[in-house]
């Protein structure tokens, strides 16, 4: 039952539009933006409120952050694949890593 609930919670991040289509890029951008904002909010909560959170709450937020990192990887793989279909190579560049680096945040420092 718990696994079913988790799958249901994360299903909203599945990109269903055909790879590389205009609808794909619109859907991808929307889901990517949501992931970036959510990850930033979780990191901020962990950083600012760590002393006020219970161990259980910290564990839950950390687990959520890991899940969102996995979803970021999925979305990045889709982006790279869609670009390759169009003949665009973007090796060694990950939009999510770039966004996190711009914020000056180190993921391991939580």
N, C-alpha and C. Protein backbone atom coordinates (compact mmCIF):
# COMPACT_ATOMS: atom_id res chain seq x y z
N UNK A 1 0.82 -1.19 0.00
CA UNK A 1 0.00 0.00 0.00
C UNK A 1 0.87 1.26 0.00
N UNK A 2 1.91 1.27 0.81
CA UNK A 2 2.79 2.44 0.89
C UNK A 2 3.49 2.69 -0.44
N UNK A 3 3.94 1.61 -1.10
CA UNK A 3 4.60 1.75 -2.40
C UNK A 3 3.65 2.34 -3.43
N UNK A 4 2.41 1.88 -3.43
CA UNK A 4 1.41 2.40 -4.35
C UNK A 4 1.20 3.90 -4.14
N UNK A 5 1.17 4.31 -2.90
CA UNK A 5 1.00 5.73 -2.58
C UNK A 5 2.19 6.54 -3.07
N UNK A 6 3.40 6.03 -2.87
CA UNK A 6 4.60 6.74 -3.33
C UNK A 6 4.62 6.86 -4.85
N UNK A 7 4.25 5.78 -5.53
CA UNK A 7 4.21 5.81 -7.00
C UNK A 7 3.19 6.86 -7.46
N UNK A 8 2.04 6.86 -6.84
CA UNK A 8 1.00 7.83 -7.19
C UNK A 8 1.49 9.26 -6.98
N UNK A 9 2.21 9.50 -5.89
CA UNK A 9 2.74 10.84 -5.60
C UNK A 9 3.76 11.29 -6.63
N UNK A 10 4.53 10.37 -7.17
CA UNK A 10 5.61 10.73 -8.09
C UNK A 10 5.22 10.63 -9.57
N UNK A 11 4.08 10.01 -9.86
CA UNK A 11 3.65 9.84 -11.25
C UNK A 11 3.47 11.16 -11.99
N UNK A 12 3.20 12.21 -11.26
CA UNK A 12 2.97 13.50 -11.93
C UNK A 12 4.20 14.00 -12.67
N UNK A 13 5.36 13.41 -12.40
CA UNK A 13 6.58 13.85 -13.07
C UNK A 13 6.88 13.08 -14.35
N UNK A 14 6.05 12.12 -14.69
CA UNK A 14 6.26 11.37 -15.93
C UNK A 14 5.88 12.28 -17.11
N UNK A 15 6.78 12.41 -18.06
CA UNK A 15 6.51 13.20 -19.26
C UNK A 15 5.84 12.26 -20.26
N UNK A 16 4.62 12.59 -20.65
CA UNK A 16 3.82 11.69 -21.49
C UNK A 16 3.77 12.11 -22.95
N UNK A 17 4.19 13.32 -23.25
CA UNK A 17 4.16 13.81 -24.63
C UNK A 17 5.25 13.14 -25.45
N UNK A 18 5.05 13.04 -26.77
CA UNK A 18 6.07 12.42 -27.63
C UNK A 18 7.42 13.15 -27.52
N UNK A 19 8.46 12.38 -27.41
CA UNK A 19 9.82 12.89 -27.22
C UNK A 19 10.20 13.87 -28.33
N UNK A 20 10.62 15.06 -27.94
CA UNK A 20 11.09 16.06 -28.89
C UNK A 20 10.02 16.96 -29.46
N UNK A 21 8.74 16.65 -29.21
CA UNK A 21 7.66 17.49 -29.75
C UNK A 21 7.57 18.79 -28.94
N UNK A 22 6.84 19.76 -29.50
CA UNK A 22 6.63 21.02 -28.77
C UNK A 22 5.94 20.76 -27.43
N UNK A 23 4.98 19.82 -27.45
CA UNK A 23 4.28 19.48 -26.21
C UNK A 23 5.25 18.87 -25.20
N UNK A 24 6.20 18.06 -25.69
CA UNK A 24 7.20 17.45 -24.81
C UNK A 24 7.99 18.54 -24.09
N UNK A 25 8.49 19.52 -24.86
CA UNK A 25 9.33 20.56 -24.26
C UNK A 25 8.55 21.41 -23.26
N UNK A 26 7.29 21.67 -23.57
CA UNK A 26 6.46 22.43 -22.64
C UNK A 26 6.23 21.65 -21.35
N UNK A 27 5.89 20.38 -21.49
CA UNK A 27 5.67 19.52 -20.32
C UNK A 27 6.97 19.33 -19.54
N UNK A 28 8.07 19.13 -20.27
CA UNK A 28 9.38 18.92 -19.62
C UNK A 28 9.77 20.17 -18.82
N UNK A 29 9.57 21.34 -19.42
CA UNK A 29 9.93 22.58 -18.74
C UNK A 29 9.10 22.77 -17.47
N UNK A 30 7.82 22.48 -17.54
CA UNK A 30 6.95 22.61 -16.37
C UNK A 30 7.38 21.68 -15.24
N UNK A 31 7.63 20.43 -15.57
CA UNK A 31 8.03 19.45 -14.56
C UNK A 31 9.42 19.75 -14.01
N UNK A 32 10.32 20.17 -14.86
CA UNK A 32 11.68 20.51 -14.43
C UNK A 32 11.66 21.71 -13.49
N UNK A 33 10.86 22.70 -13.82
CA UNK A 33 10.73 23.87 -12.95
C UNK A 33 10.19 23.50 -11.58
N UNK A 34 9.21 22.63 -11.57
CA UNK A 34 8.63 22.18 -10.29
C UNK A 34 9.68 21.44 -9.45
N UNK A 35 10.48 20.61 -10.10
CA UNK A 35 11.53 19.86 -9.39
C UNK A 35 12.56 20.82 -8.81
N UNK A 36 13.02 21.76 -9.61
CA UNK A 36 14.04 22.71 -9.15
C UNK A 36 13.54 23.49 -7.93
N UNK A 37 12.32 23.99 -8.01
CA UNK A 37 11.75 24.77 -6.90
C UNK A 37 11.55 23.90 -5.66
N UNK A 38 11.05 22.69 -5.85
CA UNK A 38 10.82 21.80 -4.71
C UNK A 38 12.12 21.40 -4.04
N UNK A 39 13.14 21.07 -4.84
CA UNK A 39 14.43 20.72 -4.25
C UNK A 39 15.01 21.90 -3.48
N UNK A 40 14.88 23.10 -4.03
CA UNK A 40 15.39 24.28 -3.34
C UNK A 40 14.65 24.49 -2.01
N UNK A 41 13.35 24.28 -2.01
CA UNK A 41 12.56 24.46 -0.78
C UNK A 41 12.96 23.44 0.28
N UNK A 42 13.17 22.20 -0.13
CA UNK A 42 13.58 21.16 0.83
C UNK A 42 14.95 21.48 1.40
N UNK A 43 15.89 21.86 0.53
CA UNK A 43 17.24 22.19 1.00
C UNK A 43 17.19 23.37 1.97
N UNK A 44 16.38 24.35 1.64
CA UNK A 44 16.27 25.53 2.51
C UNK A 44 15.67 25.15 3.87
N UNK A 45 14.63 24.32 3.84
CA UNK A 45 14.01 23.88 5.10
C UNK A 45 15.01 23.11 5.95
N UNK A 46 15.77 22.23 5.32
CA UNK A 46 16.77 21.47 6.07
C UNK A 46 17.85 22.37 6.65
N UNK A 47 18.24 23.37 5.89
CA UNK A 47 19.30 24.27 6.33
C UNK A 47 18.82 25.23 7.44
N UNK A 48 17.67 25.81 7.25
CA UNK A 48 17.19 26.84 8.18
C UNK A 48 16.51 26.30 9.43
N UNK A 49 15.87 25.15 9.29
CA UNK A 49 15.05 24.66 10.40
C UNK A 49 15.55 23.34 10.98
N UNK A 50 16.76 22.96 10.65
CA UNK A 50 17.29 21.67 11.10
C UNK A 50 17.16 21.51 12.62
N UNK A 51 17.45 22.54 13.39
CA UNK A 51 17.38 22.45 14.85
C UNK A 51 15.96 22.33 15.38
N UNK A 52 14.99 22.76 14.59
CA UNK A 52 13.59 22.72 15.02
C UNK A 52 12.88 21.46 14.57
N UNK A 53 13.48 20.71 13.64
CA UNK A 53 12.85 19.51 13.09
C UNK A 53 13.21 18.29 13.91
N UNK A 54 12.27 17.36 13.98
CA UNK A 54 12.55 16.09 14.65
C UNK A 54 13.42 15.24 13.71
N UNK A 55 14.04 14.22 14.27
CA UNK A 55 14.85 13.32 13.45
C UNK A 55 13.99 12.68 12.36
N UNK A 56 12.76 12.37 12.68
CA UNK A 56 11.85 11.77 11.70
C UNK A 56 11.56 12.74 10.55
N UNK A 57 11.34 14.01 10.88
CA UNK A 57 11.08 15.01 9.84
C UNK A 57 12.31 15.23 8.97
N UNK A 58 13.48 15.26 9.57
CA UNK A 58 14.73 15.41 8.81
C UNK A 58 14.91 14.23 7.87
N UNK A 59 14.66 13.03 8.37
CA UNK A 59 14.79 11.83 7.54
C UNK A 59 13.80 11.86 6.38
N UNK A 60 12.57 12.27 6.66
CA UNK A 60 11.56 12.34 5.61
C UNK A 60 11.94 13.36 4.54
N UNK A 61 12.39 14.54 4.95
CA UNK A 61 12.81 15.56 3.98
C UNK A 61 14.02 15.11 3.18
N UNK A 62 14.97 14.46 3.84
CA UNK A 62 16.16 13.96 3.15
C UNK A 62 15.78 12.89 2.13
N UNK A 63 14.83 12.03 2.50
CA UNK A 63 14.36 11.00 1.57
C UNK A 63 13.64 11.62 0.38
N UNK A 64 12.84 12.65 0.65
CA UNK A 64 12.17 13.36 -0.44
C UNK A 64 13.18 14.00 -1.38
N UNK A 65 14.22 14.59 -0.81
CA UNK A 65 15.26 15.22 -1.62
C UNK A 65 15.93 14.19 -2.53
N UNK A 66 16.21 13.01 -1.99
CA UNK A 66 16.81 11.94 -2.80
C UNK A 66 15.87 11.53 -3.93
N UNK A 67 14.58 11.42 -3.64
CA UNK A 67 13.61 11.06 -4.68
C UNK A 67 13.59 12.11 -5.78
N UNK A 68 13.62 13.38 -5.40
CA UNK A 68 13.61 14.45 -6.40
C UNK A 68 14.91 14.48 -7.20
N UNK A 69 16.01 14.08 -6.61
CA UNK A 69 17.27 13.98 -7.36
C UNK A 69 17.14 12.89 -8.43
N UNK A 70 16.50 11.77 -8.08
CA UNK A 70 16.28 10.70 -9.05
C UNK A 70 15.37 11.18 -10.18
N UNK A 71 14.35 11.93 -9.85
CA UNK A 71 13.46 12.47 -10.88
C UNK A 71 14.22 13.46 -11.75
N UNK A 72 15.10 14.25 -11.17
CA UNK A 72 15.95 15.17 -11.95
C UNK A 72 16.78 14.39 -12.95
N UNK A 73 17.33 13.26 -12.52
CA UNK A 73 18.12 12.42 -13.43
C UNK A 73 17.26 11.91 -14.58
N UNK A 74 16.04 11.48 -14.28
CA UNK A 74 15.11 11.01 -15.30
C UNK A 74 14.81 12.13 -16.31
N UNK A 75 14.50 13.31 -15.81
CA UNK A 75 14.18 14.43 -16.70
C UNK A 75 15.39 14.85 -17.53
N UNK A 76 16.57 14.79 -16.94
CA UNK A 76 17.79 15.14 -17.68
C UNK A 76 18.05 14.12 -18.79
N UNK A 77 17.83 12.86 -18.50
CA UNK A 77 17.99 11.81 -19.52
C UNK A 77 17.02 12.04 -20.67
N UNK A 78 15.79 12.38 -20.35
CA UNK A 78 14.81 12.69 -21.41
C UNK A 78 15.26 13.88 -22.25
N UNK A 79 15.76 14.92 -21.59
CA UNK A 79 16.22 16.12 -22.31
C UNK A 79 17.35 15.77 -23.27
N UNK A 80 18.33 15.03 -22.76
CA UNK A 80 19.47 14.66 -23.60
C UNK A 80 19.03 13.79 -24.77
N UNK A 81 18.12 12.87 -24.52
CA UNK A 81 17.63 12.00 -25.59
C UNK A 81 16.87 12.81 -26.64
N UNK A 82 16.02 13.73 -26.20
CA UNK A 82 15.27 14.56 -27.14
C UNK A 82 16.20 15.43 -27.98
N UNK A 83 17.25 15.95 -27.37
CA UNK A 83 18.23 16.75 -28.12
C UNK A 83 18.98 15.89 -29.13
N UNK A 84 19.34 14.67 -28.74
CA UNK A 84 20.05 13.78 -29.67
C UNK A 84 19.18 13.43 -30.87
N UNK A 85 17.89 13.26 -30.64
CA UNK A 85 16.97 12.99 -31.74
C UNK A 85 16.99 14.14 -32.75
N UNK A 86 17.15 15.35 -32.26
CA UNK A 86 17.22 16.53 -33.13
C UNK A 86 18.62 16.76 -33.69
N UNK A 87 19.58 15.91 -33.29
CA UNK A 87 20.94 16.04 -33.78
C UNK A 87 21.81 16.98 -32.97
N UNK A 88 21.37 17.34 -31.79
CA UNK A 88 22.13 18.25 -30.93
C UNK A 88 22.84 17.44 -29.85
N UNK A 89 24.14 17.60 -29.77
CA UNK A 89 24.92 16.92 -28.73
C UNK A 89 25.23 17.92 -27.63
N UNK A 90 24.97 17.52 -26.40
CA UNK A 90 25.27 18.38 -25.25
C UNK A 90 25.96 17.54 -24.19
N UNK A 91 27.17 17.03 -24.50
CA UNK A 91 27.85 16.16 -23.54
C UNK A 91 28.31 16.91 -22.30
N UNK A 92 28.30 16.20 -21.20
CA UNK A 92 28.83 16.73 -19.93
C UNK A 92 28.15 18.01 -19.46
N UNK A 93 26.91 18.18 -19.82
CA UNK A 93 26.18 19.34 -19.34
C UNK A 93 24.82 18.87 -18.85
N UNK A 94 24.56 19.11 -17.60
CA UNK A 94 23.32 18.69 -16.96
C UNK A 94 22.64 19.94 -16.44
N UNK A 95 21.46 20.22 -16.93
CA UNK A 95 20.76 21.45 -16.54
C UNK A 95 20.55 21.55 -15.03
N UNK A 96 20.31 20.42 -14.38
CA UNK A 96 20.05 20.46 -12.94
C UNK A 96 21.32 20.73 -12.16
N UNK A 97 22.44 20.15 -12.58
CA UNK A 97 23.71 20.45 -11.93
C UNK A 97 24.06 21.92 -12.11
N UNK A 98 23.82 22.44 -13.30
CA UNK A 98 24.12 23.83 -13.59
C UNK A 98 23.30 24.78 -12.73
N UNK A 99 22.03 24.48 -12.54
CA UNK A 99 21.18 25.33 -11.72
C UNK A 99 21.61 25.30 -10.26
N UNK A 100 21.98 24.13 -9.77
CA UNK A 100 22.40 24.03 -8.38
C UNK A 100 23.74 24.70 -8.17
N UNK A 101 24.62 24.63 -9.15
CA UNK A 101 25.93 25.28 -9.03
C UNK A 101 25.78 26.80 -9.02
N UNK A 102 24.83 27.31 -9.81
CA UNK A 102 24.61 28.75 -9.85
C UNK A 102 24.14 29.28 -8.51
N UNK A 103 23.43 28.47 -7.77
CA UNK A 103 22.94 28.88 -6.45
C UNK A 103 24.01 28.78 -5.39
N UNK A 104 25.17 28.24 -5.76
CA UNK A 104 26.27 28.11 -4.81
C UNK A 104 26.03 27.07 -3.75
N UNK A 105 25.15 26.13 -4.03
CA UNK A 105 24.82 25.11 -3.04
C UNK A 105 25.58 23.83 -3.33
N UNK A 106 26.12 23.27 -2.30
CA UNK A 106 26.74 21.97 -2.37
C UNK A 106 25.77 20.97 -1.79
N UNK A 107 25.37 19.96 -2.57
CA UNK A 107 24.39 19.01 -2.11
C UNK A 107 24.88 18.19 -0.93
N UNK A 108 26.16 17.95 -0.82
CA UNK A 108 26.68 17.12 0.24
C UNK A 108 26.78 17.86 1.57
N UNK A 109 26.55 19.16 1.57
CA UNK A 109 26.70 19.94 2.79
C UNK A 109 25.42 20.04 3.61
N UNK A 110 24.44 19.22 3.33
CA UNK A 110 23.18 19.30 4.09
C UNK A 110 23.32 18.70 5.45
